Amino acid sequence: MAETYNPWSVVNAVFHHLVDAGLHPVLGETGDPSEPAAALLTALGIEPRHPTESGYLASASSAENLAALRAKLLEDG
């Protein structure tokens, strides 16, 4: 049986490792991070699910809510 995991957990682990090494990684600074994240996973030999598969991407309303939260946090910062 194949081992399963959340691909975003792998991306998160890589980013934390880079930050711990003193680097400042950025992913999706120009929009949807799913394609650069998929490229990262592919480079690590992990086959990401296609973005249109259920559960991989947030819905449009969730993405809009997250964008509003980011904007609010940046305003308050």
Foldseek 3Di string as FASTA:
>chain_A
DDDDDQLVVVVVVVCVVCVVVVDDDDAQPPHDRLVVSCVVCVVVVHHDDDCVDPPNDDDPVVVVVVVVVVVVVVVVD
